[in-house]
């Protein structure tokens, strides 16, 4: 507290939880991969066939 009375250093900043989207955007911004434009086509990453079979309920049709 004596070294940073105005709480300007990152190590002493306020702590709070971030949403997953905020954390993702911060990582993309830091790596200069964040596209600041809104909208556009959605992203659907590759998923191997049957990846979700173990988690799906047999009676579910969705």
PDB file of N, CA and C in Angstrom:
ATOM      1  N   UNK A   1       0.819  -1.191   0.000  1.00  0.00           N
ATOM      2  CA  UNK A   1       0.000   0.000   0.000  1.00  0.00           C
ATOM      3  C   UNK A   1       0.865   1.257   0.000  1.00  0.00           C
ATOM      4  N   UNK A   2       1.987   1.204   0.688  1.00  0.00           N
ATOM      5  CA  UNK A   2       2.854   2.379   0.733  1.00  0.00           C
ATOM      6  C   UNK A   2       3.577   2.597  -0.589  1.00  0.00           C
ATOM      7  N   UNK A   3       3.880   1.518  -1.305  1.00  0.00           N
ATOM      8  CA  UNK A   3       4.577   1.625  -2.584  1.00  0.00           C
ATOM      9  C   UNK A   3       3.661   2.111  -3.702  1.00  0.00           C
ATOM     10  N   UNK A   4       2.371   1.888  -3.567  1.00  0.00           N
ATOM     11  CA  UNK A   4       1.405   2.242  -4.608  1.00  0.00           C
ATOM     12  C   UNK A   4       0.139   2.823  -3.966  1.00  0.00           C
ATOM     13  N   UNK A   5       0.210   4.013  -3.378  1.00  0.00           N
ATOM     14  CA  UNK A   5      -0.945   4.551  -2.647  1.00  0.00           C
ATOM     15  C   UNK A   5      -2.157   4.844  -3.532  1.00  0.00           C
ATOM     16  N   UNK A   6      -1.952   5.097  -4.820  1.00  0.00           N
ATOM     17  CA  UNK A   6      -3.076   5.403  -5.712  1.00  0.00           C
ATOM     18  C   UNK A   6      -3.593   4.169  -6.446  1.00  0.00           C
ATOM     19  N   UNK A   7      -3.030   3.000  -6.137  1.00  0.00           N
ATOM     20  CA  UNK A   7      -3.478   1.727  -6.715  1.00  0.00           C
ATOM     21  C   UNK A   7      -3.440   1.755  -8.245  1.00  0.00           C
ATOM     22  N   UNK A   8      -2.315   2.206  -8.813  1.00  0.00           N
ATOM     23  CA  UNK A   8      -2.172   2.308 -10.263  1.00  0.00           C
ATOM     24  C   UNK A   8      -1.471   1.109 -10.893  1.00  0.00           C
ATOM     25  N   UNK A   9      -0.824   0.278 -10.106  1.00  0.00           N
ATOM     26  CA  UNK A   9      -0.101  -0.864 -10.662  1.00  0.00           C
ATOM     27  C   UNK A   9      -1.059  -2.025 -10.904  1.00  0.00           C
ATOM     28  N   UNK A  10      -0.818  -2.765 -11.963  1.00  0.00           N
ATOM     29  CA  UNK A  10      -1.699  -3.886 -12.303  1.00  0.00           C
ATOM     30  C   UNK A  10      -1.718  -4.948 -11.206  1.00  0.00           C
ATOM     31  N   UNK A  11      -0.593  -5.188 -10.574  1.00  0.00           N
ATOM     32  CA  UNK A  11      -0.521  -6.229  -9.551  1.00  0.00           C
ATOM     33  C   UNK A  11      -1.406  -5.905  -8.349  1.00  0.00           C
ATOM     34  N   UNK A  12      -1.740  -4.645  -8.175  1.00  0.00           N
ATOM     35  CA  UNK A  12      -2.548  -4.256  -7.029  1.00  0.00           C
ATOM     36  C   UNK A  12      -3.941  -3.796  -7.445  1.00  0.00           C
ATOM     37  N   UNK A  13      -4.312  -4.077  -8.668  1.00  0.00           N
ATOM     38  CA  UNK A  13      -5.610  -3.640  -9.159  1.00  0.00           C
ATOM     39  C   UNK A  13      -6.746  -4.417  -8.530  1.00  0.00           C
ATOM     40  N   UNK A  14      -7.985  -3.967  -8.734  1.00  0.00           N
ATOM     41  CA  UNK A  14      -9.137  -4.664  -8.166  1.00  0.00           C
ATOM     42  C   UNK A  14      -9.304  -6.040  -8.805  1.00  0.00           C
ATOM     43  N   UNK A  15      -9.763  -6.984  -8.030  1.00  0.00           N
ATOM     44  CA  UNK A  15      -9.962  -8.349  -8.532  1.00  0.00           C
ATOM     45  C   UNK A  15     -11.444  -8.587  -8.766  1.00  0.00           C
ATOM     46  N   UNK A  16     -11.767  -9.140  -9.907  1.00  0.00           N
ATOM     47  CA  UNK A  16     -13.135  -9.507 -10.217  1.00  0.00           C
ATOM     48  C   UNK A  16     -13.110 -10.577 -11.294  1.00  0.00           C
ATOM     49  N   UNK A  17     -14.171 -11.361 -11.359  1.00  0.00           N
ATOM     50  CA  UNK A  17     -14.260 -12.431 -12.350  1.00  0.00           C
ATOM     51  C   UNK A  17     -14.648 -11.851 -13.707  1.00  0.00           C
ATOM     52  N   UNK A  18     -14.134 -12.477 -14.756  1.00  0.00           N
ATOM     53  CA  UNK A  18     -14.470 -12.061 -16.113  1.00  0.00           C
ATOM     54  C   UNK A  18     -15.344 -13.121 -16.766  1.00  0.00           C
ATOM     55  N   UNK A  19     -16.276 -12.689 -17.592  1.00  0.00           N
ATOM     56  CA  UNK A  19     -17.035 -13.631 -18.406  1.00  0.00           C
ATOM     57  C   UNK A  19     -16.105 -14.240 -19.441  1.00  0.00           C
ATOM     58  N   UNK A  20     -16.459 -15.413 -19.942  1.00  0.00           N
ATOM     59  CA  UNK A  20     -15.624 -16.099 -20.926  1.00  0.00           C
ATOM     60  C   UNK A  20     -15.421 -15.245 -22.177  1.00  0.00           C
ATOM     61  N   UNK A  21     -16.468 -14.541 -22.607  1.00  0.00           N
ATOM     62  CA  UNK A  21     -16.362 -13.717 -23.809  1.00  0.00           C
ATOM     63  C   UNK A  21     -15.385 -12.559 -23.606  1.00  0.00           C
ATOM     64  N   UNK A  22     -15.410 -11.968 -22.424  1.00  0.00           N
ATOM     65  CA  UNK A  22     -14.506 -10.859 -22.126  1.00  0.00           C
ATOM     66  C   UNK A  22     -13.067 -11.356 -22.098  1.00  0.00           C
ATOM     67  N   UNK A  23     -12.847 -12.495 -21.458  1.00  0.00           N
ATOM     68  CA  UNK A  23     -11.505 -13.069 -21.398  1.00  0.00           C
ATOM     69  C   UNK A  23     -10.995 -13.398 -22.800  1.00  0.00           C
ATOM     70  N   UNK A  24     -11.868 -13.957 -23.646  1.00  0.00           N
ATOM     71  CA  UNK A  24     -11.497 -14.270 -25.030  1.00  0.00           C
ATOM     72  C   UNK A  24     -11.138 -13.001 -25.792  1.00  0.00           C
ATOM     73  N   UNK A  25     -11.952 -11.962 -25.653  1.00  0.00           N
ATOM     74  CA  UNK A  25     -11.681 -10.706 -26.354  1.00  0.00           C
ATOM     75  C   UNK A  25     -10.378 -10.066 -25.889  1.00  0.00           C
ATOM     76  N   UNK A  26     -10.077 -10.147 -24.599  1.00  0.00           N
ATOM     77  CA  UNK A  26      -8.820  -9.602 -24.086  1.00  0.00           C
ATOM     78  C   UNK A  26      -7.638 -10.351 -24.684  1.00  0.00           C
ATOM     79  N   UNK A  27      -7.742 -11.688 -24.757  1.00  0.00           N
ATOM     80  CA  UNK A  27      -6.653 -12.480 -25.335  1.00  0.00           C
ATOM     81  C   UNK A  27      -6.478 -12.160 -26.817  1.00  0.00           C
ATOM     82  N   UNK A  28      -7.576 -12.021 -27.552  1.00  0.00           N
ATOM     83  CA  UNK A  28      -7.488 -11.676 -28.972  1.00  0.00           C
ATOM     84  C   UNK A  28      -6.932 -10.269 -29.164  1.00  0.00           C
ATOM     85  N   UNK A  29      -7.340  -9.330 -28.316  1.00  0.00           N
ATOM     86  CA  UNK A  29      -6.831  -7.959 -28.403  1.00  0.00           C
ATOM     87  C   UNK A  29      -5.331  -7.923 -28.130  1.00  0.00           C
ATOM     88  N   UNK A  30      -4.888  -8.643 -27.100  1.00  0.00           N
ATOM     89  CA  UNK A  30      -3.468  -8.641 -26.735  1.00  0.00           C
ATOM     90  C   UNK A  30      -2.609  -9.251 -27.834  1.00  0.00           C
ATOM     91  N   UNK A  31      -3.161 -10.216 -28.573  1.00  0.00           N
ATOM     92  CA  UNK A  31      -2.410 -10.854 -29.655  1.00  0.00           C
ATOM     93  C   UNK A  31      -2.623 -10.147 -30.993  1.00  0.00           C
ATOM     94  N   UNK A  32      -3.357  -9.027 -30.971  1.00  0.00           N
ATOM     95  CA  UNK A  32      -3.671  -8.241 -32.166  1.00  0.00           C
ATOM     96  C   UNK A  32      -4.459  -9.037 -33.203  1.00  0.00           C
ATOM     97  N   UNK A  33      -5.272  -9.979 -32.739  1.00  0.00           N
ATOM     98  CA  UNK A  33      -6.121 -10.775 -33.622  1.00  0.00           C
ATOM     99  C   UNK A  33      -7.596 -10.388 -33.512  1.00  0.00           C
ATOM    100  N   UNK A  34      -7.912  -9.427 -32.658  1.00  0.00           N
ATOM    101  CA  UNK A  34      -9.298  -9.021 -32.466  1.00  0.00           C
ATOM    102  C   UNK A  34      -9.762  -8.154 -33.630  1.00  0.00           C
ATOM    103  N   UNK A  35     -10.867  -8.551 -34.251  1.00  0.00           N
ATOM    104  CA  UNK A  35     -11.477  -7.750 -35.308  1.00  0.00           C
ATOM    105  C   UNK A  35     -12.542  -6.872 -34.653  1.00  0.00           C
ATOM    106  N   UNK A  36     -12.362  -5.558 -34.629  1.00  0.00           N
ATOM    107  CA  UNK A  36     -13.291  -4.689 -33.901  1.00  0.00           C
ATOM    108  C   UNK A  36     -14.637  -4.480 -34.588  1.00  0.00           C
ATOM    109  N   UNK A  37     -14.813  -4.979 -35.791  1.00  0.00           N
ATOM    110  CA  UNK A  37     -16.064  -4.773 -36.515  1.00  0.00           C
ATOM    111  C   UNK A  37     -17.138  -5.724 -36.009  1.00  0.00           C
ATOM    112  N   UNK A  38     -18.357  -5.209 -35.875  1.00  0.00           N
ATOM    113  CA  UNK A  38     -19.484  -6.004 -35.408  1.00  0.00           C
ATOM    114  C   UNK A  38     -20.100  -6.762 -36.578  1.00  0.00           C
ATOM    115  N   UNK A  39     -20.730  -7.893 -36.264  1.00  0.00           N
ATOM    116  CA  UNK A  39     -21.447  -8.658 -37.266  1.00  0.00           C
ATOM    117  C   UNK A  39     -20.538  -9.581 -38.040  1.00  0.00           C
ATOM    118  N   UNK A  40     -21.036 -10.031 -39.168  1.00  0.00           N
ATOM    119  CA  UNK A  40     -20.260 -10.943 -39.989  1.00  0.00           C
ATOM    120  C   UNK A  40     -20.735 -12.376 -39.819  1.00  0.00           C
ATOM    121  N   UNK A  41     -20.101 -13.236 -40.539  1.00  0.00           N
ATOM    122  CA  UNK A  41     -20.458 -14.646 -40.517  1.00  0.00           C
ATOM    123  C   UNK A  41     -19.989 -15.297 -39.223  1.00  0.00           C
ATOM    124  N   UNK A  42     -20.807 -16.178 -38.674  1.00  0.00           N
ATOM    125  CA  UNK A  42     -20.453 -16.884 -37.450  1.00  0.00           C
ATOM    126  C   UNK A  42     -19.329 -17.884 -37.685  1.00  0.00           C
ATOM    127  N   UNK A  43     -18.694 -18.266 -36.614  1.00  0.00           N
ATOM    128  CA  UNK A  43     -17.580 -19.209 -36.695  1.00  0.00           C
ATOM    129  C   UNK A  43     -18.019 -20.532 -36.097  1.00  0.00           C
ATOM    130  N   UNK A  44     -17.852 -21.598 -36.842  1.00  0.00           N
ATOM    131  CA  UNK A  44     -18.166 -22.934 -36.348  1.00  0.00           C
ATOM    132  C   UNK A  44     -16.916 -23.790 -36.503  1.00  0.00           C
ATOM    133  N   UNK A  45     -16.168 -23.979 -35.424  1.00  0.00           N
ATOM    134  CA  UNK A  45     -14.927 -24.746 -35.520  1.00  0.00           C
ATOM    135  C   UNK A  45     -15.192 -26.215 -35.829  1.00  0.00           C
ATOM    136  N   UNK A  46     -14.204 -26.871 -36.390  1.00  0.00           N
ATOM    137  CA  UNK A  46     -14.304 -28.290 -36.717  1.00  0.00           C
ATOM    138  C   UNK A  46     -14.519 -29.103 -35.446  1.00  0.00           C
ATOM    139  N   UNK A  47     -15.455 -30.060 -35.519  1.00  0.00           N
ATOM    140  CA  UNK A  47     -15.688 -30.990 -34.420  1.00  0.00           C
ATOM    141  C   UNK A  47     -15.767 -32.386 -35.010  1.00  0.00           C
ATOM    142  N   UNK A  48     -14.966 -33.314 -34.509  1.00  0.00           N
ATOM    143  CA  UNK A  48     -14.990 -34.677 -35.037  1.00  0.00           C
ATOM    144  C   UNK A  48     -16.376 -35.307 -34.887  1.00  0.00           C
ATOM    145  N   UNK A  49     -16.715 -36.184 -35.802  1.00  0.00           N
ATOM    146  CA  UNK A  49     -18.001 -36.876 -35.754  1.00  0.00           C
ATOM    147  C   UNK A  49     -18.114 -37.667 -34.455  1.00  0.00           C
ATOM    148  N   UNK A  50     -19.277 -37.622 -33.821  1.00  0.00           N
ATOM    149  CA  UNK A  50     -19.521 -38.374 -32.601  1.00  0.00           C
ATOM    150  C   UNK A  50     -18.929 -37.760 -31.348  1.00  0.00           C
ATOM    151  N   UNK A  51     -18.434 -36.556 -31.453  1.00  0.00           N
ATOM    152  CA  UNK A  51     -17.777 -35.931 -30.302  1.00  0.00           C
ATOM    153  C   UNK A  51     -18.711 -35.763 -29.110  1.00  0.00           C
ATOM    154  N   UNK A  52     -19.973 -35.490 -29.346  1.00  0.00           N
ATOM    155  CA  UNK A  52     -20.918 -35.218 -28.266  1.00  0.00           C
ATOM    156  C   UNK A  52     -21.776 -36.432 -27.902  1.00  0.00           C
ATOM    157  N   UNK A  53     -21.537 -37.585 -28.513  1.00  0.00           N
ATOM    158  CA  UNK A  53     -22.366 -38.769 -28.256  1.00  0.00           C
ATOM    159  C   UNK A  53     -22.376 -39.178 -26.790  1.00  0.00           C
ATOM    160  N   UNK A  54     -21.253 -39.094 -26.123  1.00  0.00           N
ATOM    161  CA  UNK A  54     -21.179 -39.514 -24.724  1.00  0.00           C
ATOM    162  C   UNK A  54     -21.992 -38.600 -23.813  1.00  0.00           C
ATOM    163  N   UNK A  55     -22.251 -37.380 -24.238  1.00  0.00           N
ATOM    164  CA  UNK A  55     -22.976 -36.428 -23.399  1.00  0.00           C
ATOM    165  C   UNK A  55     -24.455 -36.329 -23.732  1.00  0.00           C
ATOM    166  N   UNK A  56     -24.867 -36.870 -24.858  1.00  0.00           N
ATOM    167  CA  UNK A  56     -26.266 -36.732 -25.256  1.00  0.00           C
ATOM    168  C   UNK A  56     -27.125 -37.803 -24.590  1.00  0.00           C
ATOM    169  N   UNK A  57     -28.370 -37.439 -24.310  1.00  0.00           N
ATOM    170  CA  UNK A  57     -29.322 -38.363 -23.697  1.00  0.00           C
ATOM    171  C   UNK A  57     -29.980 -39.178 -24.808  1.00  0.00           C
ATOM    172  N   UNK A  58     -30.095 -40.490 -24.628  1.00  0.00           N
ATOM    173  CA  UNK A  58     -30.659 -41.335 -25.700  1.00  0.00           C
ATOM    174  C   UNK A  58     -32.079 -40.944 -26.112  1.00  0.00           C
ATOM    175  N   UNK A  59     -32.882 -40.407 -25.197  1.00  0.00           N
ATOM    176  CA  UNK A  59     -34.270 -40.060 -25.518  1.00  0.00           C
ATOM    177  C   UNK A  59     -34.393 -38.664 -26.124  1.00  0.00           C
ATOM    178  N   UNK A  60     -33.311 -37.924 -26.171  1.00  0.00           N
ATOM    179  CA  UNK A  60     -33.370 -36.560 -26.683  1.00  0.00           C
ATOM    180  C   UNK A  60     -33.346 -36.557 -28.206  1.00  0.00           C
ATOM    181  N   UNK A  61     -34.115 -35.660 -28.809  1.00  0.00           N
ATOM    182  CA  UNK A  61     -34.114 -35.547 -30.267  1.00  0.00           C
ATOM    183  C   UNK A  61     -33.498 -34.227 -30.719  1.00  0.00           C
ATOM    184  N   UNK A  62     -32.819 -33.525 -29.827  1.00  0.00           N
ATOM    185  CA  UNK A  62     -32.214 -32.250 -30.209  1.00  0.00           C
ATOM    186  C   UNK A  62     -30.724 -32.373 -30.350  1.00  0.00           C
TER     187      UNK A  62
END
